[in-house]
Amino acid sequence: MLDRRVVKVGVKPLMIYRVGTDPDVQGLDLRPLAPTSGQQGLRFLNQLSHPAGALVSINGGFFNRVRQLPLGAVKRNGSWLSGPILNRGAVGWSNDNRLQFGRLRLYQELTVEGGRKWGLGYLNSGYVQRGFSRYDRAWGPVYRALSGHEQALTVIDGRVSSVYDHAALSRGVPIPREGDLVVARAGAPLPAQLGQQVTIRTTSSDPLGNQPNVLGGGPLLLKDGRVVLNGRQEGFSAGFLNQGAPRTVIAQDQSRLWLLTLKGAGGSDPTLLESSLALRQLGISDALNLDGGSSTSLLVANRLVMTGRGIAPRVQNAVGLVSK
């Protein structure tokens, strides 16, 4: 099940660990692995894999180590645990486990009675920016302020049912089971007033966002057999793009989906471009970079067979293969 091999990119040898499966033949489902009671907190990979019964798993998308919150797309069974950010690479799939790769934004629009429209930048996200963000119960039962100047309103059954100032948000306010909390940051005004009727509409920039399961990372490495690496388009810094580091990748070829990790074989670790070229040598057609560096980890049959920095890391989310 586990394939371990060395691939050379130029003169640089890279060690690749990979597990591939044809889910229809082998009776496996690909599933996002994430906390079930709220998004805050980090866990070892086996703490995410074991409750789900995952036979194989790799670490997932990016997260904030200080706040211990996700920074990118995690959608499980139709519920956005964390929304996409910055048009970054993502992969989506349904029960047939056929993977769709692309770059993803989520467009959210709040319309107030009378017709005024407001854009809601992010959904269930630890990515804090000026403007508006929306949180629902997938975030957890309580929201606490993530920045210094926030106010919020609750929408239940299409009507603003409550408003909160920063003091209340600092203490923590409940997120309704069937409704939304809309947070305004950095001086942004509340988009509606108590008692007003509102509607919230959400659309995805790419059809992959409509799949019941989505995992975000970035940058997107390969699409249809071509190197499509464009870190600037996905909001990554030049330093991130050029550095060598252990890598975690989800990918597919014509017959299998793959969970992979890469690192230097006795030398320096791969850049994102070197990772793309190595994967293409293996016949991979589509590939997405996930969180790497010290987060890189591959778990097979509850045994950690590869880590980025030699120790077991704690991560916010993961993806794994589970028996149907």
C-alpha atoms as a PDB file:
ATOM      1  CA  MET A   1       0.000   0.000   0.000  1.00  0.00           C
ATOM      2  CA  LEU A   2       2.832   2.407   0.868  1.00  0.00           C
ATOM      3  CA  ASP A   3       5.221   3.277  -1.966  1.00  0.00           C
ATOM      4  CA  ARG A   4       8.572   4.838  -1.063  1.00  0.00           C
ATOM      5  CA  ARG A   5      10.892   5.973  -3.828  1.00  0.00           C
ATOM      6  CA  VAL A   6      13.555   8.508  -4.788  1.00  0.00           C
ATOM      7  CA  VAL A   7      12.928  10.825  -7.744  1.00  0.00           C
ATOM      8  CA  LYS A   8      15.563  13.174  -9.127  1.00  0.00           C
ATOM      9  CA  VAL A   9      14.706  16.707 -10.222  1.00  0.00           C
ATOM     10  CA  GLY A  10      17.817  17.878 -12.003  1.00  0.00           C
ATOM     11  CA  VAL A  11      20.570  16.733  -9.669  1.00  0.00           C
ATOM     12  CA  LYS A  12      18.431  16.954  -6.524  1.00  0.00           C
ATOM     13  CA  PRO A  13      17.163  13.608  -5.152  1.00  0.00           C
ATOM     14  CA  LEU A  14      13.770  13.726  -3.448  1.00  0.00           C
ATOM     15  CA  MET A  15      12.260  11.078  -1.219  1.00  0.00           C
ATOM     16  CA  ILE A  16       8.566  10.537  -1.948  1.00  0.00           C
ATOM     17  CA  TYR A  17       6.203   8.581   0.269  1.00  0.00           C
ATOM     18  CA  ARG A  18       2.823   7.923  -1.302  1.00  0.00           C
ATOM     19  CA  VAL A  19      -0.312   5.868  -0.891  1.00  0.00           C
ATOM     20  CA  GLY A  20      -2.596   5.485  -3.899  1.00  0.00           C
ATOM     21  CA  THR A  21      -5.987   3.893  -4.284  1.00  0.00           C
ATOM     22  CA  ASP A  22      -8.774   3.349  -6.734  1.00  0.00           C
ATOM     23  CA  PRO A  23     -11.580   3.914  -4.220  1.00  0.00           C
ATOM     24  CA  ASP A  24     -14.167   2.009  -6.260  1.00  0.00           C
ATOM     25  CA  VAL A  25     -11.986  -1.086  -6.370  1.00  0.00           C
ATOM     26  CA  GLN A  26     -10.609  -0.989  -2.845  1.00  0.00           C
ATOM     27  CA  GLY A  27     -13.741   0.159  -1.034  1.00  0.00           C
ATOM     28  CA  LEU A  28     -12.306   3.321   0.477  1.00  0.00           C
ATOM     29  CA  ASP A  29     -13.751   6.792   0.978  1.00  0.00           C
ATOM     30  CA  LEU A  30     -11.707   9.977   1.075  1.00  0.00           C
ATOM     31  CA  ARG A  31     -12.802  12.162   3.988  1.00  0.00           C
ATOM     32  CA  PRO A  32     -11.793  15.480   5.530  1.00  0.00           C
ATOM     33  CA  LEU A  33     -10.675  14.941   9.110  1.00  0.00           C
ATOM     34  CA  ALA A  34     -11.419  17.822  11.455  1.00  0.00           C
ATOM     35  CA  PRO A  35     -12.696  18.506  14.983  1.00  0.00           C
ATOM     36  CA  THR A  36     -16.416  17.879  15.442  1.00  0.00           C
ATOM     37  CA  SER A  37     -17.292  20.188  18.352  1.00  0.00           C
ATOM     38  CA  GLY A  38     -15.638  23.421  17.235  1.00  0.00           C
ATOM     39  CA  GLN A  39     -12.746  24.538  15.084  1.00  0.00           C
ATOM     40  CA  GLN A  40     -10.314  25.885  17.646  1.00  0.00           C
ATOM     41  CA  GLY A  41      -7.513  23.593  18.749  1.00  0.00           C
ATOM     42  CA  LEU A  42      -4.658  21.499  17.378  1.00  0.00           C
ATOM     43  CA  ARG A  43      -4.328  17.724  17.494  1.00  0.00           C
ATOM     44  CA  PHE A  44      -1.839  15.040  16.556  1.00  0.00           C
ATOM     45  CA  LEU A  45      -2.695  13.355  13.280  1.00  0.00           C
ATOM     46  CA  ASN A  46      -3.702  10.086  14.946  1.00  0.00           C
ATOM     47  CA  GLN A  47      -6.166  12.024  17.137  1.00  0.00           C
ATOM     48  CA  LEU A  48      -7.968  13.111  13.985  1.00  0.00           C
ATOM     49  CA  SER A  49      -7.563   9.807  12.123  1.00  0.00           C
ATOM     50  CA  HIS A  50      -8.458   7.265  14.790  1.00  0.00           C
ATOM     51  CA  PRO A  51     -12.022   8.469  15.598  1.00  0.00           C
ATOM     52  CA  ALA A  52     -12.833   8.461  11.876  1.00  0.00           C
ATOM     53  CA  GLY A  53     -11.328   5.014  11.317  1.00  0.00           C
ATOM     54  CA  ALA A  54      -8.878   6.310   8.720  1.00  0.00           C
ATOM     55  CA  LEU A  55      -6.443   3.679   7.434  1.00  0.00           C
ATOM     56  CA  VAL A  56      -4.171   6.313   5.852  1.00  0.00           C
ATOM     57  CA  SER A  57      -4.049  10.057   6.475  1.00  0.00           C
ATOM     58  CA  ILE A  58      -1.992  13.156   5.797  1.00  0.00           C
ATOM     59  CA  ASN A  59      -2.110  16.563   7.398  1.00  0.00           C
ATOM     60  CA  GLY A  60      -4.408  19.055   5.711  1.00  0.00           C
ATOM     61  CA  GLY A  61      -4.596  22.802   5.129  1.00  0.00           C
ATOM     62  CA  PHE A  62      -3.022  25.848   6.755  1.00  0.00           C
ATOM     63  CA  PHE A  63      -3.849  27.164  10.210  1.00  0.00           C
ATOM     64  CA  ASN A  64      -2.862  29.840  12.703  1.00  0.00           C
ATOM     65  CA  ARG A  65      -0.635  28.283  15.355  1.00  0.00           C
ATOM     66  CA  VAL A  66      -1.297  31.023  17.926  1.00  0.00           C
ATOM     67  CA  ARG A  67      -5.087  31.100  17.668  1.00  0.00           C
ATOM     68  CA  GLN A  68      -5.185  27.421  16.612  1.00  0.00           C
ATOM     69  CA  LEU A  69      -7.796  28.188  13.954  1.00  0.00           C
ATOM     70  CA  PRO A  70      -8.088  27.123  10.286  1.00  0.00           C
ATOM     71  CA  LEU A  71      -6.889  29.383   7.456  1.00  0.00           C
ATOM     72  CA  GLY A  72      -8.526  27.888   4.405  1.00  0.00           C
ATOM     73  CA  ALA A  73     -11.246  25.684   3.019  1.00  0.00           C
ATOM     74  CA  VAL A  74     -12.535  22.683   4.966  1.00  0.00           C
ATOM     75  CA  LYS A  75     -15.972  21.401   3.940  1.00  0.00           C
ATOM     76  CA  ARG A  76     -17.333  18.115   5.231  1.00  0.00           C
ATOM     77  CA  ASN A  77     -20.627  16.511   4.210  1.00  0.00           C
ATOM     78  CA  GLY A  78     -21.921  19.800   2.802  1.00  0.00           C
ATOM     79  CA  SER A  79     -20.997  21.931   5.821  1.00  0.00           C
ATOM     80  CA  TRP A  80     -18.278  24.600   5.609  1.00  0.00           C
ATOM     81  CA  LEU A  81     -16.207  24.113   8.765  1.00  0.00           C
ATOM     82  CA  SER A  82     -13.877  26.775   7.367  1.00  0.00           C
ATOM     83  CA  GLY A  83     -14.338  28.814   4.212  1.00  0.00           C
ATOM     84  CA  PRO A  84     -11.745  29.405   1.465  1.00  0.00           C
ATOM     85  CA  ILE A  85      -9.455  32.442   1.458  1.00  0.00           C
ATOM     86  CA  LEU A  86      -7.407  34.385  -1.124  1.00  0.00           C
ATOM     87  CA  ASN A  87      -8.426  32.368  -4.190  1.00  0.00           C
ATOM     88  CA  ARG A  88      -6.129  29.584  -3.035  1.00  0.00           C
ATOM     89  CA  GLY A  89      -5.926  26.088  -4.432  1.00  0.00           C
ATOM     90  CA  ALA A  90      -8.496  23.549  -3.317  1.00  0.00           C
ATOM     91  CA  VAL A  91      -9.790  20.085  -4.092  1.00  0.00           C
ATOM     92  CA  GLY A  92     -13.421  18.976  -3.953  1.00  0.00           C
ATOM     93  CA  TRP A  93     -15.108  15.592  -4.201  1.00  0.00           C
ATOM     94  CA  SER A  94     -18.366  13.745  -3.668  1.00  0.00           C
ATOM     95  CA  ASN A  95     -19.164  10.167  -2.739  1.00  0.00           C
ATOM     96  CA  ASP A  96     -17.632   8.849  -5.963  1.00  0.00           C
ATOM     97  CA  ASN A  97     -14.217  10.159  -4.790  1.00  0.00           C
ATOM     98  CA  ARG A  98     -13.478  11.775  -8.164  1.00  0.00           C
ATOM     99  CA  LEU A  99     -11.343  14.791  -7.348  1.00  0.00           C
ATOM    100  CA  GLN A 100     -11.854  18.271  -8.811  1.00  0.00           C
ATOM    101  CA  PHE A 101      -8.905  20.669  -8.553  1.00  0.00           C
ATOM    102  CA  GLY A 102      -8.888  24.440  -8.935  1.00  0.00           C
ATOM    103  CA  ARG A 103      -8.654  27.765  -7.157  1.00  0.00           C
ATOM    104  CA  LEU A 104     -11.548  28.777  -4.970  1.00  0.00           C
ATOM    105  CA  ARG A 105     -13.318  31.832  -3.604  1.00  0.00           C
ATOM    106  CA  LEU A 106     -16.629  31.945  -1.771  1.00  0.00           C
ATOM    107  CA  TYR A 107     -18.918  34.875  -2.618  1.00  0.00           C
ATOM    108  CA  GLN A 108     -21.388  35.787   0.132  1.00  0.00           C
ATOM    109  CA  GLU A 109     -23.912  38.581  -0.192  1.00  0.00           C
ATOM    110  CA  LEU A 110     -26.184  39.912   2.533  1.00  0.00           C
ATOM    111  CA  THR A 111     -29.233  41.821   1.265  1.00  0.00           C
ATOM    112  CA  VAL A 112     -31.198  44.033   3.658  1.00  0.00           C
ATOM    113  CA  GLU A 113     -34.896  44.813   3.212  1.00  0.00           C
ATOM    114  CA  GLY A 114     -34.999  47.772   0.854  1.00  0.00           C
ATOM    115  CA  GLY A 115     -32.330  46.244  -1.358  1.00  0.00           C
ATOM    116  CA  ARG A 116     -28.980  47.343   0.070  1.00  0.00           C
ATOM    117  CA  LYS A 117     -26.338  44.670  -0.478  1.00  0.00           C
ATOM    118  CA  TRP A 118     -23.181  43.920   1.505  1.00  0.00           C
ATOM    119  CA  GLY A 119     -20.391  41.505   0.720  1.00  0.00           C
ATOM    120  CA  LEU A 120     -19.424  39.091   3.490  1.00  0.00           C
ATOM    121  CA  GLY A 121     -15.754  38.316   3.017  1.00  0.00           C
ATOM    122  CA  TYR A 122     -15.221  35.031   4.830  1.00  0.00           C
ATOM    123  CA  LEU A 123     -17.113  32.100   6.334  1.00  0.00           C
ATOM    124  CA  ASN A 124     -16.098  30.346   9.571  1.00  0.00           C
ATOM    125  CA  SER A 125     -12.547  31.605   9.163  1.00  0.00           C
ATOM    126  CA  GLY A 126      -9.624  32.441  11.426  1.00  0.00           C
ATOM    127  CA  TYR A 127      -8.397  34.783   8.670  1.00  0.00           C
ATOM    128  CA  VAL A 128      -9.063  38.216  10.171  1.00  0.00           C
ATOM    129  CA  GLN A 129      -9.526  41.190   7.836  1.00  0.00           C
ATOM    130  CA  ARG A 130     -11.423  44.485   7.881  1.00  0.00           C
ATOM    131  CA  GLY A 131     -15.040  44.127   6.822  1.00  0.00           C
ATOM    132  CA  PHE A 132     -17.550  41.358   7.411  1.00  0.00           C
ATOM    133  CA  SER A 133     -17.272  37.671   8.212  1.00  0.00           C
ATOM    134  CA  ARG A 134     -20.009  35.115   8.756  1.00  0.00           C
ATOM    135  CA  TYR A 135     -20.025  32.296  11.307  1.00  0.00           C
ATOM    136  CA  ASP A 136     -22.491  29.465  11.733  1.00  0.00           C
ATOM    137  CA  ARG A 137     -22.736  26.544  14.131  1.00  0.00           C
ATOM    138  CA  ALA A 138     -20.042  24.597  12.286  1.00  0.00           C
ATOM    139  CA  TRP A 139     -17.603  27.052  13.889  1.00  0.00           C
ATOM    140  CA  GLY A 140     -18.742  25.901  17.327  1.00  0.00           C
ATOM    141  CA  PRO A 141     -21.384  26.934  19.886  1.00  0.00           C
ATOM    142  CA  VAL A 142     -19.663  30.198  20.865  1.00  0.00           C
ATOM    143  CA  TYR A 143     -17.855  32.990  19.011  1.00  0.00           C
ATOM    144  CA  ARG A 144     -15.238  35.133  20.770  1.00  0.00           C
ATOM    145  CA  ALA A 145     -13.717  38.258  19.240  1.00  0.00           C
ATOM    146  CA  LEU A 146     -10.641  37.656  17.087  1.00  0.00           C
ATOM    147  CA  SER A 147      -9.609  41.311  16.759  1.00  0.00           C
ATOM    148  CA  GLY A 148      -9.683  44.549  18.694  1.00  0.00           C
ATOM    149  CA  HIS A 149     -12.714  46.330  17.227  1.00  0.00           C
ATOM    150  CA  GLU A 150     -15.684  44.111  16.481  1.00  0.00           C
ATOM    151  CA  GLN A 151     -19.465  44.251  16.603  1.00  0.00           C
ATOM    152  CA  ALA A 152     -21.922  41.652  15.376  1.00  0.00           C
ATOM    153  CA  LEU A 153     -25.513  40.726  14.654  1.00  0.00           C
ATOM    154  CA  THR A 154     -27.365  37.422  14.699  1.00  0.00           C
ATOM    155  CA  VAL A 155     -29.675  36.380  11.847  1.00  0.00           C
ATOM    156  CA  ILE A 156     -32.367  33.792  12.602  1.00  0.00           C
ATOM    157  CA  ASP A 157     -35.151  32.917  10.129  1.00  0.00           C
ATOM    158  CA  GLY A 158     -34.132  35.794   7.893  1.00  0.00           C
ATOM    159  CA  ARG A 159     -34.379  38.502  10.544  1.00  0.00           C
ATOM    160  CA  VAL A 160     -31.811  40.279  12.715  1.00  0.00           C
ATOM    161  CA  SER A 161     -32.602  38.913  16.164  1.00  0.00           C
ATOM    162  CA  SER A 162     -29.798  40.429  18.267  1.00  0.00           C
ATOM    163  CA  VAL A 163     -26.799  42.742  18.117  1.00  0.00           C
ATOM    164  CA  TYR A 164     -23.580  42.631  20.137  1.00  0.00           C
ATOM    165  CA  ASP A 165     -20.892  45.151  20.992  1.00  0.00           C
ATOM    166  CA  HIS A 166     -17.188  44.393  21.353  1.00  0.00           C
ATOM    167  CA  ALA A 167     -17.411  43.825  25.106  1.00  0.00           C
ATOM    168  CA  ALA A 168     -19.989  41.069  24.610  1.00  0.00           C
ATOM    169  CA  LEU A 169     -17.969  39.504  21.784  1.00  0.00           C
ATOM    170  CA  SER A 170     -14.847  39.497  23.947  1.00  0.00           C
ATOM    171  CA  ARG A 171     -16.713  37.491  26.571  1.00  0.00           C
ATOM    172  CA  GLY A 172     -18.208  35.197  23.941  1.00  0.00           C
ATOM    173  CA  VAL A 173     -21.657  35.089  22.330  1.00  0.00           C
ATOM    174  CA  PRO A 174     -23.728  32.087  21.228  1.00  0.00           C
ATOM    175  CA  ILE A 175     -23.940  31.100  17.566  1.00  0.00           C
ATOM    176  CA  PRO A 176     -27.502  30.000  16.827  1.00  0.00           C
ATOM    177  CA  ARG A 177     -28.103  26.394  15.803  1.00  0.00           C
ATOM    178  CA  GLU A 178     -30.173  27.497  12.819  1.00  0.00           C
ATOM    179  CA  GLY A 179     -28.842  30.895  11.871  1.00  0.00           C
ATOM    180  CA  ASP A 180     -25.775  33.062  11.389  1.00  0.00           C
ATOM    181  CA  LEU A 181     -23.539  35.474  13.244  1.00  0.00           C
ATOM    182  CA  VAL A 182     -22.250  38.341  11.067  1.00  0.00           C
ATOM    183  CA  VAL A 183     -19.159  40.047  12.509  1.00  0.00           C
ATOM    184  CA  ALA A 184     -18.050  43.560  11.494  1.00  0.00           C
ATOM    185  CA  ARG A 185     -14.352  44.332  12.060  1.00  0.00           C
ATOM    186  CA  ALA A 186     -12.035  47.344  12.153  1.00  0.00           C
ATOM    187  CA  GLY A 187     -14.727  50.021  12.194  1.00  0.00           C
ATOM    188  CA  ALA A 188     -17.001  48.493   9.562  1.00  0.00           C
ATOM    189  CA  PRO A 189     -20.636  49.404  10.360  1.00  0.00           C
ATOM    190  CA  LEU A 190     -23.233  46.762  11.077  1.00  0.00           C
ATOM    191  CA  PRO A 191     -24.921  45.966   7.748  1.00  0.00           C
ATOM    192  CA  ALA A 192     -28.436  45.756   9.257  1.00  0.00           C
ATOM    193  CA  GLN A 193     -30.362  46.800  12.341  1.00  0.00           C
ATOM    194  CA  LEU A 194     -32.304  44.849  14.937  1.00  0.00           C
ATOM    195  CA  GLY A 195     -35.545  43.485  13.516  1.00  0.00           C
ATOM    196  CA  GLN A 196     -34.706  44.047   9.849  1.00  0.00           C
ATOM    197  CA  GLN A 197     -35.244  41.261   7.349  1.00  0.00           C
ATOM    198  CA  VAL A 198     -32.133  40.030   5.540  1.00  0.00           C
ATOM    199  CA  THR A 199     -31.192  37.283   3.118  1.00  0.00           C
ATOM    200  CA  ILE A 200     -27.743  35.706   2.697  1.00  0.00           C
ATOM    201  CA  ARG A 201     -26.714  34.161  -0.618  1.00  0.00           C
ATOM    202  CA  THR A 202     -23.552  32.104  -1.114  1.00  0.00           C
ATOM    203  CA  THR A 203     -21.935  31.044  -4.391  1.00  0.00           C
ATOM    204  CA  SER A 204     -18.596  29.462  -5.293  1.00  0.00           C
ATOM    205  CA  SER A 205     -16.142  30.761  -7.894  1.00  0.00           C
ATOM    206  CA  ASP A 206     -15.467  27.211  -9.103  1.00  0.00           C
ATOM    207  CA  PRO A 207     -17.811  24.191  -9.340  1.00  0.00           C
ATOM    208  CA  LEU A 208     -15.513  22.267  -6.978  1.00  0.00           C
ATOM    209  CA  GLY A 209     -16.871  24.468  -4.185  1.00  0.00           C
ATOM    210  CA  ASN A 210     -20.307  22.908  -4.689  1.00  0.00           C
ATOM    211  CA  GLN A 211     -18.992  19.443  -3.837  1.00  0.00           C
ATOM    212  CA  PRO A 212     -19.956  18.105  -0.391  1.00  0.00           C
ATOM    213  CA  ASN A 213     -16.288  17.718   0.600  1.00  0.00           C
ATOM    214  CA  VAL A 214     -13.595  20.357   0.018  1.00  0.00           C
ATOM    215  CA  LEU A 215     -10.073  20.821   1.327  1.00  0.00           C
ATOM    216  CA  GLY A 216      -8.022  23.937   0.681  1.00  0.00           C
ATOM    217  CA  GLY A 217      -4.285  24.505   0.696  1.00  0.00           C
ATOM    218  CA  GLY A 218      -2.162  26.003  -2.029  1.00  0.00           C
ATOM    219  CA  PRO A 219      -0.605  26.649  -4.285  1.00  0.00           C
ATOM    220  CA  LEU A 220      -2.194  24.479  -6.954  1.00  0.00           C
ATOM    221  CA  LEU A 221       0.708  22.545  -8.513  1.00  0.00           C
ATOM    222  CA  LEU A 222      -0.628  20.517 -11.466  1.00  0.00           C
ATOM    223  CA  LYS A 223      -3.821  20.602 -13.517  1.00  0.00           C
ATOM    224  CA  ASP A 224      -4.476  18.243 -16.423  1.00  0.00           C
ATOM    225  CA  GLY A 225      -0.795  17.265 -16.458  1.00  0.00           C
ATOM    226  CA  ARG A 226       0.497  20.858 -16.685  1.00  0.00           C
ATOM    227  CA  VAL A 227       2.438  22.792 -14.067  1.00  0.00           C
ATOM    228  CA  VAL A 228       0.096  25.644 -13.047  1.00  0.00           C
ATOM    229  CA  LEU A 229       2.065  26.962 -10.079  1.00  0.00           C
ATOM    230  CA  ASN A 230       1.118  30.620  -9.500  1.00  0.00           C
ATOM    231  CA  GLY A 231       1.699  31.507  -5.880  1.00  0.00           C
ATOM    232  CA  ARG A 232       1.216  35.228  -6.346  1.00  0.00           C
ATOM    233  CA  GLN A 233      -2.291  34.648  -7.712  1.00  0.00           C
ATOM    234  CA  GLU A 234      -3.057  32.723  -4.503  1.00  0.00           C
ATOM    235  CA  GLY A 235      -1.627  35.331  -2.125  1.00  0.00           C
ATOM    236  CA  PHE A 236       1.630  33.601  -1.177  1.00  0.00           C
ATOM    237  CA  SER A 237       4.836  35.553  -0.585  1.00  0.00           C
ATOM    238  CA  ALA A 238       7.926  35.235  -2.785  1.00  0.00           C
ATOM    239  CA  GLY A 239       9.842  33.828   0.169  1.00  0.00           C
ATOM    240  CA  PHE A 240       7.300  31.051   0.656  1.00  0.00           C
ATOM    241  CA  LEU A 241       7.386  30.182  -3.033  1.00  0.00           C
ATOM    242  CA  ASN A 242      11.166  29.936  -3.234  1.00  0.00           C
ATOM    243  CA  GLN A 243      12.000  28.131  -0.009  1.00  0.00           C
ATOM    244  CA  GLY A 244      12.730  24.426   0.237  1.00  0.00           C
ATOM    245  CA  ALA A 245      10.622  22.477   2.720  1.00  0.00           C
ATOM    246  CA  PRO A 246       9.022  19.086   3.284  1.00  0.00           C
ATOM    247  CA  ARG A 247       5.734  18.917   1.379  1.00  0.00           C
ATOM    248  CA  THR A 248       2.311  17.333   1.734  1.00  0.00           C
ATOM    249  CA  VAL A 249       0.254  16.819  -1.436  1.00  0.00           C
ATOM    250  CA  ILE A 250      -3.107  15.413  -2.475  1.00  0.00           C
ATOM    251  CA  ALA A 251      -3.167  14.333  -6.123  1.00  0.00           C
ATOM    252  CA  GLN A 252      -4.594  12.049  -8.769  1.00  0.00           C
ATOM    253  CA  ASP A 253      -3.608  10.381 -12.029  1.00  0.00           C
ATOM    254  CA  GLN A 254      -5.779   8.645 -14.607  1.00  0.00           C
ATOM    255  CA  SER A 255      -6.722   5.776 -12.319  1.00  0.00           C
ATOM    256  CA  ARG A 256      -5.894   6.611  -8.696  1.00  0.00           C
ATOM    257  CA  LEU A 257      -6.012   9.302  -6.076  1.00  0.00           C
ATOM    258  CA  TRP A 258      -2.814   9.802  -4.093  1.00  0.00           C
ATOM    259  CA  LEU A 259      -1.803  11.043  -0.665  1.00  0.00           C
ATOM    260  CA  LEU A 260       1.888  12.014  -0.759  1.00  0.00           C
ATOM    261  CA  THR A 261       4.699  13.560   1.232  1.00  0.00           C
ATOM    262  CA  LEU A 262       8.057  14.717  -0.163  1.00  0.00           C
ATOM    263  CA  LYS A 263      11.373  15.706   1.363  1.00  0.00           C
ATOM    264  CA  GLY A 264      15.026  15.896   0.397  1.00  0.00           C
ATOM    265  CA  ALA A 265      16.833  12.569   0.126  1.00  0.00           C
ATOM    266  CA  GLY A 266      20.121  13.346   1.821  1.00  0.00           C
ATOM    267  CA  GLY A 267      20.101  16.954   0.687  1.00  0.00           C
ATOM    268  CA  SER A 268      17.939  20.048   0.622  1.00  0.00           C
ATOM    269  CA  ASP A 269      14.148  19.863   0.662  1.00  0.00           C
ATOM    270  CA  PRO A 270      12.115  20.598  -2.481  1.00  0.00           C
ATOM    271  CA  THR A 271      10.759  23.931  -3.604  1.00  0.00           C
ATOM    272  CA  LEU A 272       7.185  24.052  -4.858  1.00  0.00           C
ATOM    273  CA  LEU A 273       8.375  23.974  -8.467  1.00  0.00           C
ATOM    274  CA  GLU A 274      10.660  20.995  -7.797  1.00  0.00           C
ATOM    275  CA  SER A 275       7.753  19.236  -6.105  1.00  0.00           C
ATOM    276  CA  SER A 276       5.576  19.858  -9.172  1.00  0.00           C
ATOM    277  CA  LEU A 277       8.218  18.469 -11.534  1.00  0.00           C
ATOM    278  CA  ALA A 278       8.791  15.403  -9.358  1.00  0.00           C
ATOM    279  CA  LEU A 279       5.070  14.626  -9.278  1.00  0.00           C
ATOM    280  CA  ARG A 280       4.801  15.001 -13.025  1.00  0.00           C
ATOM    281  CA  GLN A 281       7.576  12.408 -13.415  1.00  0.00           C
ATOM    282  CA  LEU A 282       5.308   9.992 -11.541  1.00  0.00           C
ATOM    283  CA  GLY A 283       2.476  10.528 -14.025  1.00  0.00           C
ATOM    284  CA  ILE A 284       0.407  12.694 -11.698  1.00  0.00           C
ATOM    285  CA  SER A 285      -2.125  14.809 -13.597  1.00  0.00           C
ATOM    286  CA  ASP A 286      -3.557  17.026 -10.820  1.00  0.00           C
ATOM    287  CA  ALA A 287      -1.926  18.013  -7.540  1.00  0.00           C
ATOM    288  CA  LEU A 288      -2.521  20.444  -4.673  1.00  0.00           C
ATOM    289  CA  ASN A 289       0.074  21.487  -2.134  1.00  0.00           C
ATOM    290  CA  LEU A 290      -1.186  21.314   1.456  1.00  0.00           C
ATOM    291  CA  ASP A 291       0.432  22.626   4.637  1.00  0.00           C
ATOM    292  CA  GLY A 292       4.085  21.589   4.665  1.00  0.00           C
ATOM    293  CA  GLY A 293       7.249  22.141   6.652  1.00  0.00           C
ATOM    294  CA  SER A 294       6.909  21.008  10.234  1.00  0.00           C
ATOM    295  CA  SER A 295       3.233  20.094   9.666  1.00  0.00           C
ATOM    296  CA  THR A 296       4.071  17.443   7.053  1.00  0.00           C
ATOM    297  CA  SER A 297       3.049  13.987   8.283  1.00  0.00           C
ATOM    298  CA  LEU A 298       1.850  10.692   6.838  1.00  0.00           C
ATOM    299  CA  LEU A 299       0.082   8.096   8.977  1.00  0.00           C
ATOM    300  CA  VAL A 300      -0.395   4.520   7.716  1.00  0.00           C
ATOM    301  CA  ALA A 301      -2.183   1.921   9.871  1.00  0.00           C
ATOM    302  CA  ASN A 302      -1.723   4.238  12.877  1.00  0.00           C
ATOM    303  CA  ARG A 303       2.038   4.371  12.291  1.00  0.00           C
ATOM    304  CA  LEU A 304       3.681   7.694  11.544  1.00  0.00           C
ATOM    305  CA  VAL A 305       5.911   6.836   8.594  1.00  0.00           C
ATOM    306  CA  MET A 306       7.060  10.348   7.682  1.00  0.00           C
ATOM    307  CA  THR A 307       7.229  13.744   9.383  1.00  0.00           C
ATOM    308  CA  GLY A 308       8.570  17.022   8.120  1.00  0.00           C
ATOM    309  CA  ARG A 309      10.949  17.791  10.958  1.00  0.00           C
ATOM    310  CA  GLY A 310      11.387  14.402  12.611  1.00  0.00           C
ATOM    311  CA  ILE A 311       8.777  14.844  15.348  1.00  0.00           C
ATOM    312  CA  ALA A 312       5.029  14.320  15.366  1.00  0.00           C
ATOM    313  CA  PRO A 313       3.351  17.677  14.713  1.00  0.00           C
ATOM    314  CA  ARG A 314      -0.012  18.935  15.883  1.00  0.00           C
ATOM    315  CA  VAL A 315      -2.306  20.107  13.084  1.00  0.00           C
ATOM    316  CA  GLN A 316      -5.769  21.615  12.737  1.00  0.00           C
ATOM    317  CA  ASN A 317      -7.215  19.335  10.046  1.00  0.00           C
ATOM    318  CA  ALA A 318      -6.309  16.424   7.807  1.00  0.00           C
ATOM    319  CA  VAL A 319      -7.590  14.121   5.073  1.00  0.00           C
ATOM    320  CA  GLY A 320      -7.782  10.351   5.180  1.00  0.00           C
ATOM    321  CA  LEU A 321      -8.902   7.131   3.513  1.00  0.00           C
ATOM    322  CA  VAL A 322     -11.648   5.310   5.403  1.00  0.00           C
ATOM    323  CA  SER A 323     -13.245   1.926   4.716  1.00  0.00           C
ATOM    324  CA  LYS A 324     -16.726   2.256   3.235  1.00  0.00           C
END
